[in-house]
N, C-alpha and C. Protein backbone atom coordinates (compact mmCIF):
# COMPACT_ATOMS: atom_id res chain seq x y z
N LEU A 1 -21.27 54.66 70.89
CA LEU A 1 -20.94 53.11 70.85
C LEU A 1 -19.92 52.95 69.93
N PHE A 2 -19.86 53.97 68.54
CA PHE A 2 -19.23 53.88 67.74
C PHE A 2 -17.53 54.20 67.90
N ARG A 3 -17.74 55.18 68.81
CA ARG A 3 -16.13 55.34 69.59
C ARG A 3 -15.55 54.17 70.50
N ARG A 4 -16.63 53.77 71.15
CA ARG A 4 -16.49 52.61 71.77
C ARG A 4 -15.72 51.10 70.91
N HIS A 5 -16.51 51.17 69.96
CA HIS A 5 -16.40 50.11 68.86
C HIS A 5 -14.56 50.30 68.23
N LYS A 6 -14.61 51.73 67.90
CA LYS A 6 -13.35 52.17 67.27
C LYS A 6 -12.52 52.08 68.24
N PHE A 7 -12.17 52.05 69.44
CA PHE A 7 -11.45 51.77 70.85
C PHE A 7 -11.18 50.67 70.79
N VAL A 8 -12.31 49.76 71.16
CA VAL A 8 -11.81 48.63 71.06
C VAL A 8 -11.23 47.69 69.76
N GLY A 9 -11.71 47.84 68.60
CA GLY A 9 -11.11 47.68 67.56
C GLY A 9 -9.60 48.08 67.63
N SER A 10 -9.26 49.04 67.91
CA SER A 10 -8.01 49.74 67.54
C SER A 10 -6.95 48.98 68.72
N SER A 11 -7.73 48.90 69.96
CA SER A 11 -6.68 47.96 71.21
C SER A 11 -6.45 46.26 70.40
N VAL A 12 -7.63 45.91 69.82
CA VAL A 12 -7.27 44.62 69.70
C VAL A 12 -6.14 44.43 68.20
N ALA A 13 -6.26 45.23 67.66
CA ALA A 13 -5.27 45.61 66.18
C ALA A 13 -4.13 45.81 66.89
N GLN A 14 -3.91 46.67 68.20
CA GLN A 14 -2.72 47.00 68.42
C GLN A 14 -2.07 45.65 69.03
N GLU A 15 -2.95 44.88 69.95
CA GLU A 15 -2.71 43.64 70.44
C GLU A 15 -2.00 42.74 69.56
N GLU A 16 -2.64 42.54 68.32
CA GLU A 16 -2.24 41.77 67.48
C GLU A 16 -1.03 41.56 66.78
N LEU A 17 -0.88 43.38 66.32
CA LEU A 17 0.46 44.04 66.13
C LEU A 17 1.54 43.39 67.07
N ASN A 18 1.30 44.04 67.97
CA ASN A 18 2.35 43.15 69.40
C ASN A 18 2.62 41.91 69.24
N ILE A 19 1.70 41.09 68.82
CA ILE A 19 1.98 39.28 68.99
C ILE A 19 2.96 39.06 67.63
N LEU A 20 2.55 39.81 66.61
CA LEU A 20 3.31 39.88 65.60
C LEU A 20 4.72 40.18 65.67
N GLU A 21 4.61 41.43 66.14
CA GLU A 21 6.28 41.92 66.27
C GLU A 21 6.70 41.24 66.98
N SER A 22 6.23 40.58 68.11
CA SER A 22 6.87 39.73 68.97
C SER A 22 7.52 38.47 68.28
N TYR A 23 6.72 38.25 67.74
CA TYR A 23 7.13 36.60 66.97
C TYR A 23 8.27 36.70 66.07
N ALA A 24 8.09 37.96 65.23
CA ALA A 24 9.27 38.31 64.40
C ALA A 24 10.63 38.38 64.98
N ALA A 25 10.35 39.36 66.13
CA ALA A 25 11.71 39.34 66.81
C ALA A 25 12.15 38.31 67.52
N ILE A 26 11.58 37.33 67.68
CA ILE A 26 11.95 36.02 68.18
C ILE A 26 12.53 35.29 67.03
N GLU A 27 11.67 35.35 66.01
CA GLU A 27 12.22 34.27 64.97
C GLU A 27 13.57 35.37 64.33
N LYS A 28 13.98 36.59 64.43
CA LYS A 28 14.82 37.22 64.17
C LYS A 28 16.38 36.55 64.73
N ASP A 29 15.73 36.31 66.52
CA ASP A 29 16.93 36.40 67.63
C ASP A 29 17.31 34.90 67.46
N MET A 30 16.19 33.97 66.67
CA MET A 30 16.99 32.54 66.69
C MET A 30 17.51 32.54 65.66
N LEU A 31 17.20 33.23 64.40
CA LEU A 31 18.29 33.06 63.38
C LEU A 31 19.88 33.79 63.78
N SER A 32 19.66 34.57 64.47
CA SER A 32 20.88 35.20 64.55
C SER A 32 21.75 34.25 65.72
N CYS A 33 21.01 33.61 66.52
CA CYS A 33 21.64 32.72 67.82
C CYS A 33 22.34 31.60 67.13
N ARG A 34 21.50 31.01 65.98
CA ARG A 34 22.12 29.72 65.40
C ARG A 34 23.31 30.31 64.24
N ARG A 35 23.15 31.48 63.95
CA ARG A 35 24.40 32.00 62.91
C ARG A 35 25.50 31.78 64.02
N ASP A 36 25.47 32.58 65.14
CA ASP A 36 26.52 32.74 66.04
C ASP A 36 26.97 31.49 66.32
N ILE A 37 26.51 30.33 66.62
CA ILE A 37 26.26 29.17 67.27
C ILE A 37 27.53 28.43 65.92
N GLN A 38 27.33 28.83 65.02
CA GLN A 38 27.67 28.19 63.55
C GLN A 38 29.13 28.97 63.50
N ILE A 39 29.27 30.33 63.44
CA ILE A 39 30.37 31.10 63.56
C ILE A 39 31.30 30.67 64.50
N GLN A 40 30.85 30.44 65.90
CA GLN A 40 31.78 30.03 66.89
C GLN A 40 32.18 28.28 66.70
N GLU A 41 31.39 27.77 66.24
CA GLU A 41 31.76 26.44 66.14
C GLU A 41 33.11 26.21 64.94
N SER A 42 32.59 26.95 63.59
CA SER A 42 33.79 27.36 62.63
C SER A 42 35.09 27.91 63.48
N THR A 43 35.17 28.92 64.33
CA THR A 43 36.20 29.53 64.70
C THR A 43 37.03 28.56 65.42
N ALA A 44 35.91 27.53 66.42
CA ALA A 44 36.82 26.61 67.50
C ALA A 44 37.66 25.88 66.34
N GLU A 45 36.99 25.15 65.37
CA GLU A 45 37.49 24.27 64.41
C GLU A 45 38.62 24.65 63.62
N LEU A 46 38.86 25.66 63.24
CA LEU A 46 39.92 26.63 62.68
C LEU A 46 41.01 26.48 63.53
N LEU A 47 40.69 27.47 64.91
CA LEU A 47 41.76 26.93 65.75
C LEU A 47 42.39 25.86 66.26
N CYS A 48 41.41 24.93 66.09
CA CYS A 48 42.30 23.54 66.26
C CYS A 48 43.06 23.19 65.31
N LYS A 49 42.55 23.48 63.74
CA LYS A 49 43.25 22.95 62.81
C LYS A 49 44.65 23.60 62.88
N ARG A 50 44.55 24.97 63.14
CA ARG A 50 45.80 25.79 63.31
C ARG A 50 46.86 25.36 64.22
N ARG A 51 46.16 24.77 65.48
CA ARG A 51 47.06 24.47 66.46
C ARG A 51 47.41 23.13 66.04
N ALA A 52 46.76 22.23 65.90
CA ALA A 52 47.26 20.92 65.27
C ALA A 52 48.11 20.89 64.15
N ARG A 53 48.35 21.68 63.23
CA ARG A 53 49.52 21.90 62.08
C ARG A 53 50.93 22.36 63.02
N ALA A 54 50.82 23.50 63.88
CA ALA A 54 51.88 23.71 64.43
C ALA A 54 52.20 22.81 65.49
N VAL A 55 51.71 21.97 66.17
CA VAL A 55 51.87 20.70 67.03
C VAL A 55 52.94 19.93 66.21
N GLN A 56 52.13 19.23 65.03
CA GLN A 56 52.79 18.60 63.99
C GLN A 56 54.18 19.02 63.75
N ARG A 57 54.21 20.23 63.26
CA ARG A 57 55.61 20.96 62.81
C ARG A 57 56.43 20.86 64.09
N GLU A 58 55.99 20.99 65.13
CA GLU A 58 56.70 21.01 66.23
C GLU A 58 57.39 19.74 66.83
N VAL A 59 56.38 18.56 66.49
CA VAL A 59 56.69 17.37 66.92
C VAL A 59 57.95 16.72 65.95
N LEU A 60 57.48 17.14 64.51
CA LEU A 60 58.53 16.49 63.56
C LEU A 60 59.96 17.47 63.43
N ALA A 61 59.63 18.69 63.71
CA ALA A 61 61.37 19.36 63.81
C ALA A 61 62.13 18.83 65.25
N SER A 62 61.41 18.57 66.41
CA SER A 62 62.20 17.95 67.05
C SER A 62 62.32 16.44 67.45
N ALA A 63 61.88 15.65 66.28
CA ALA A 63 62.17 14.06 66.28
C ALA A 63 63.02 13.78 65.60
N ASP A 64 63.91 12.95 66.35
CA ASP A 64 65.00 12.22 65.80
C ASP A 64 64.18 10.81 65.28
N LEU A 65 64.72 10.75 63.78
CA LEU A 65 64.52 9.35 63.04
C LEU A 65 65.32 8.20 63.31
N ASP A 66 66.29 8.46 64.32
CA ASP A 66 66.88 6.99 64.81
C ASP A 66 66.69 5.76 64.27
N HIS A 67 67.71 5.85 62.63
CA HIS A 67 67.76 4.48 61.89
C HIS A 67 66.34 4.38 60.94
N TRP A 68 65.60 5.58 61.08
CA TRP A 68 64.39 5.55 60.08
C TRP A 68 64.88 6.45 58.89
N VAL A 69 64.35 5.78 57.67
CA VAL A 69 64.94 6.62 56.46
C VAL A 69 63.65 6.67 55.54
N PRO A 70 63.58 8.14 54.95
CA PRO A 70 62.27 8.27 54.37
C PRO A 70 62.38 7.71 53.16
N GLN A 71 61.48 6.95 52.52
CA GLN A 71 61.68 6.75 50.79
C GLN A 71 60.57 7.02 50.28
N THR A 72 60.62 7.17 49.10
CA THR A 72 59.59 7.40 48.04
C THR A 72 59.45 6.28 47.41
N GLY A 73 57.99 5.91 47.17
CA GLY A 73 57.56 4.48 46.02
C GLY A 73 57.78 4.83 44.99
N SER A 74 58.47 3.98 44.20
CA SER A 74 58.62 4.27 42.84
C SER A 74 57.45 4.45 41.74
N VAL A 75 56.38 3.32 42.58
CA VAL A 75 54.87 3.49 41.95
C VAL A 75 53.97 4.18 42.22
N SER A 76 53.89 4.55 43.36
CA SER A 76 52.65 4.99 44.25
C SER A 76 53.30 6.71 44.37
N GLY A 77 54.62 6.69 44.62
CA GLY A 77 54.90 8.10 44.89
C GLY A 77 54.58 8.67 46.26
N LYS A 78 54.53 7.63 47.28
CA LYS A 78 53.99 8.25 48.47
C LYS A 78 55.36 7.84 49.33
N THR A 79 55.61 8.62 50.49
CA THR A 79 56.62 8.38 51.35
C THR A 79 56.46 7.48 52.40
N HIS A 80 57.34 6.43 52.60
CA HIS A 80 57.29 5.56 53.72
C HIS A 80 58.57 5.60 54.56
N TYR A 81 58.77 4.73 55.56
CA TYR A 81 59.74 4.85 56.22
C TYR A 81 60.10 3.74 56.44
N LEU A 82 61.56 3.44 56.14
CA LEU A 82 62.66 2.15 56.31
C LEU A 82 63.12 2.39 57.47
N HIS A 83 63.08 0.99 58.31
CA HIS A 83 63.94 1.09 59.55
C HIS A 83 65.28 0.31 59.29
N THR A 84 66.53 1.08 59.53
CA THR A 84 67.67 0.29 58.49
C THR A 84 68.10 -0.67 59.40
N LEU A 85 67.58 -0.85 60.71
CA LEU A 85 68.24 -2.12 61.59
C LEU A 85 67.51 -3.16 61.16
N THR A 86 65.99 -3.11 61.43
CA THR A 86 65.12 -4.34 61.67
C THR A 86 64.34 -4.29 60.04
N GLY A 87 64.44 -3.37 59.20
CA GLY A 87 63.86 -3.60 58.27
C GLY A 87 62.09 -3.33 58.18
N GLU A 88 61.73 -3.01 59.11
CA GLU A 88 60.05 -2.72 59.23
C GLU A 88 60.07 -1.46 58.38
N VAL A 89 58.90 -1.47 58.05
CA VAL A 89 58.29 -0.26 56.75
C VAL A 89 57.04 0.25 57.33
N LEU A 90 57.15 1.34 57.57
CA LEU A 90 55.79 2.12 58.04
C LEU A 90 55.49 3.08 57.03
N HIS A 91 54.12 3.26 56.89
CA HIS A 91 53.77 3.96 55.72
C HIS A 91 53.10 5.52 56.15
N GLN A 92 53.40 5.50 57.69
CA GLN A 92 53.59 6.87 58.01
C GLN A 92 54.30 7.20 58.90
N HIS A 93 54.69 8.48 59.61
CA HIS A 93 56.03 8.96 60.05
C HIS A 93 55.98 8.39 61.36
N PRO A 94 57.28 7.63 61.41
CA PRO A 94 57.31 7.23 62.99
C PRO A 94 56.81 7.68 64.01
N HIS A 95 56.53 8.98 64.19
CA HIS A 95 56.28 9.78 65.14
C HIS A 95 54.83 10.07 65.38
N PHE A 96 54.26 9.54 64.06
CA PHE A 96 53.05 9.94 64.23
C PHE A 96 51.97 9.82 65.13
N PRO A 97 52.24 8.61 66.13
CA PRO A 97 51.31 8.15 67.40
C PRO A 97 51.52 9.49 68.26
N GLN A 98 52.78 10.07 68.36
CA GLN A 98 52.89 11.37 69.33
C GLN A 98 52.22 12.35 68.95
N ILE A 99 52.42 12.47 67.49
CA ILE A 99 51.43 13.38 67.02
C ILE A 99 50.18 13.36 66.91
N GLU A 100 49.50 12.51 66.95
CA GLU A 100 47.89 11.92 67.13
C GLU A 100 47.54 12.32 68.80
N ALA A 101 48.40 11.86 69.32
CA ALA A 101 48.18 12.21 70.91
C ALA A 101 48.39 13.56 71.25
N ARG A 102 49.24 14.40 70.73
CA ARG A 102 49.01 15.90 70.61
C ARG A 102 48.19 16.60 70.33
N TRP A 103 47.54 15.98 68.99
CA TRP A 103 46.30 16.83 68.44
C TRP A 103 45.08 16.42 69.28
N GLU A 104 45.29 15.23 70.41
CA GLU A 104 43.75 15.07 70.87
C GLU A 104 43.74 16.12 72.08
N GLU A 105 45.14 16.39 72.66
CA GLU A 105 45.38 17.56 73.62
C GLU A 105 44.90 18.72 72.87
N VAL A 106 45.36 18.86 71.83
CA VAL A 106 44.72 20.35 71.09
C VAL A 106 43.31 20.32 71.13
N ARG A 107 42.58 19.31 70.52
CA ARG A 107 41.23 19.39 70.59
C ARG A 107 40.51 19.55 71.77
N ASN A 108 40.92 18.50 72.68
CA ASN A 108 40.59 18.53 74.05
C ASN A 108 40.70 20.37 74.98
N GLU A 109 41.99 20.93 74.79
CA GLU A 109 42.26 22.29 75.11
C GLU A 109 41.03 23.11 74.56
N VAL A 110 41.13 23.29 73.02
CA VAL A 110 39.63 23.92 72.18
C VAL A 110 38.74 23.90 72.97
N GLU A 111 38.29 22.57 72.90
CA GLU A 111 36.87 22.41 73.26
C GLU A 111 36.40 22.89 74.74
N ALA A 112 37.45 22.72 75.70
CA ALA A 112 37.33 23.07 76.95
C ALA A 112 37.24 24.76 76.51
N GLN A 113 37.93 25.42 76.04
CA GLN A 113 37.84 26.94 75.61
C GLN A 113 36.83 27.27 75.30
N HIS A 114 36.09 26.64 74.18
CA HIS A 114 35.05 27.01 73.70
C HIS A 114 33.61 26.54 74.19
N ARG A 115 33.55 25.54 74.88
CA ARG A 115 32.37 24.71 75.61
C ARG A 115 31.57 25.88 76.32
N PRO A 116 32.25 26.66 77.65
CA PRO A 116 31.01 27.52 78.15
C PRO A 116 30.40 28.60 77.28
N LYS A 117 30.98 28.98 76.51
CA LYS A 117 30.59 29.93 75.25
C LYS A 117 29.19 29.50 74.56
N ARG A 118 29.69 28.06 74.04
CA ARG A 118 28.65 27.48 73.17
C ARG A 118 27.72 26.90 74.35
N THR A 119 27.40 26.41 75.51
CA THR A 119 26.61 26.25 76.04
C THR A 119 25.62 27.02 76.46
N LYS A 120 26.23 27.98 76.91
CA LYS A 120 25.30 29.41 76.88
C LYS A 120 24.21 29.92 75.79
N MET A 121 25.31 29.71 74.70
CA MET A 121 24.48 29.97 73.51
C MET A 121 23.60 29.06 72.84
N LEU A 122 23.59 27.92 73.38
CA LEU A 122 22.52 26.49 73.36
C LEU A 122 21.61 26.79 74.28
N ALA A 123 21.70 27.14 75.20
CA ALA A 123 20.77 27.21 76.25
C ALA A 123 19.87 28.83 75.76
N TYR A 124 20.37 29.62 75.40
CA TYR A 124 19.68 30.63 75.05
C TYR A 124 18.88 30.39 73.49
N LEU A 125 19.25 29.44 72.73
CA LEU A 125 18.40 29.23 72.00
C LEU A 125 17.23 28.40 72.39
N GLU A 126 17.50 27.53 73.30
CA GLU A 126 16.32 26.85 73.98
C GLU A 126 15.33 27.80 74.50
N SER A 127 15.74 28.61 74.98
CA SER A 127 14.99 29.44 75.63
C SER A 127 14.06 30.08 74.46
N LEU A 128 14.61 30.43 73.75
CA LEU A 128 13.99 31.16 72.37
C LEU A 128 12.93 30.30 71.67
N LYS A 129 13.22 28.92 71.61
CA LYS A 129 12.30 28.07 71.28
C LYS A 129 11.08 28.28 72.13
N GLY A 130 11.66 28.02 73.37
CA GLY A 130 10.23 27.95 74.11
C GLY A 130 9.12 29.42 74.11
N GLN A 131 9.94 30.11 73.86
CA GLN A 131 9.36 31.78 73.75
C GLN A 131 8.43 31.64 72.28
N HIS A 132 9.09 30.93 71.15
CA HIS A 132 8.68 30.80 70.34
C HIS A 132 7.36 30.18 70.19
N GLU A 133 7.29 28.92 70.63
CA GLU A 133 6.47 28.36 70.81
C GLU A 133 5.10 28.78 71.53
N ASP A 134 5.26 29.72 72.64
CA ASP A 134 4.26 30.18 73.40
C ASP A 134 3.45 31.28 72.31
N VAL A 135 4.46 32.25 71.87
CA VAL A 135 3.98 33.24 70.91
C VAL A 135 3.39 32.54 69.60
N TYR A 136 3.81 31.08 69.20
CA TYR A 136 3.38 30.87 67.90
C TYR A 136 1.88 30.49 68.19
N ASP A 137 1.32 29.80 69.44
CA ASP A 137 0.16 29.65 69.65
C ASP A 137 -0.53 30.93 69.20
N ASN A 138 -0.26 31.99 69.99
CA ASN A 138 -0.98 33.11 69.71
C ASN A 138 -0.94 33.81 68.35
N VAL A 139 -0.30 33.52 67.29
CA VAL A 139 -0.24 33.80 66.04
C VAL A 139 -1.04 32.68 65.37
N ALA A 140 -0.81 31.59 65.71
CA ALA A 140 -2.03 30.93 64.97
C ALA A 140 -3.49 31.06 65.19
N GLN A 141 -3.82 31.44 66.58
CA GLN A 141 -5.11 31.85 66.94
C GLN A 141 -5.47 33.11 66.14
N LEU A 142 -4.27 34.27 66.09
CA LEU A 142 -4.78 35.19 65.21
C LEU A 142 -4.96 34.88 63.81
N LEU A 143 -4.48 34.01 63.25
CA LEU A 143 -4.68 33.55 61.50
C LEU A 143 -5.77 32.87 61.80
N SER A 144 -6.06 32.08 62.83
CA SER A 144 -7.65 31.40 62.41
C SER A 144 -8.67 32.52 62.39
N ASN A 145 -8.51 33.30 63.33
CA ASN A 145 -9.50 34.59 63.69
C ASN A 145 -9.56 35.45 62.17
N LEU A 146 -8.71 35.53 61.51
CA LEU A 146 -8.37 36.50 60.35
C LEU A 146 -9.35 35.99 59.13
N ARG A 147 -9.04 33.94 59.29
CA ARG A 147 -9.47 33.44 58.14
C ARG A 147 -11.11 33.16 58.50
N GLU A 148 -11.41 33.43 60.01
CA GLU A 148 -12.83 33.48 59.88
C GLU A 148 -13.70 34.62 59.58
N LEU A 149 -12.87 35.89 59.59
CA LEU A 149 -13.51 37.35 59.50
C LEU A 149 -13.53 37.00 57.91
N ASN A 150 -12.30 36.79 57.20
CA ASN A 150 -12.54 36.85 55.54
C ASN A 150 -13.70 35.88 55.04
N PHE A 151 -13.88 34.70 55.74
CA PHE A 151 -14.95 33.90 55.30
C PHE A 151 -16.36 34.35 55.44
N LYS A 152 -16.54 35.21 56.52
CA LYS A 152 -17.56 36.15 57.13
C LYS A 152 -17.73 37.10 56.01
N ALA A 153 -16.90 37.97 55.35
CA ALA A 153 -16.72 38.90 54.58
C ALA A 153 -16.94 38.43 53.32
N GLN A 154 -16.85 37.35 52.87
CA GLN A 154 -17.04 36.85 51.52
C GLN A 154 -18.80 36.24 51.29
N PHE A 155 -18.93 36.34 52.42
CA PHE A 155 -20.41 36.08 52.18
C PHE A 155 -21.42 36.86 52.82
N HIS A 156 -21.06 38.25 53.20
CA HIS A 156 -21.87 39.28 53.16
C HIS A 156 -21.63 40.37 52.41
């Protein structure tokens, strides 16, 4: 009978250990996945900024300022642009709308490039959350059982 109790006790302990190891592994995977998602998003953002700066340099290098003269404000020190024929003043580069349109193209390209990987990573994180919930119920039951055992041991 003692051997039987010892075997049952050891198999229960092994099962409890497996539950805790599974829980710890899922927690570790979730943290790793969240970190990978953040890294991927940061990489996409940096790539977008780098490409946007290149696009801006490209547009400015090829832009003809036809009658636009850059001037620096005497008080503010900021550059504005004066059209010599119409007298119109712009506080941003005359080709800024073109630059903005190209920036939007760059953002869309980078997003399209990174979207599939991000979608997969988010789906994997969601699956881990489901597994986490399932295992968490087992861990909660295990902790409840341990509390009962500790409570009983205090009064014996």
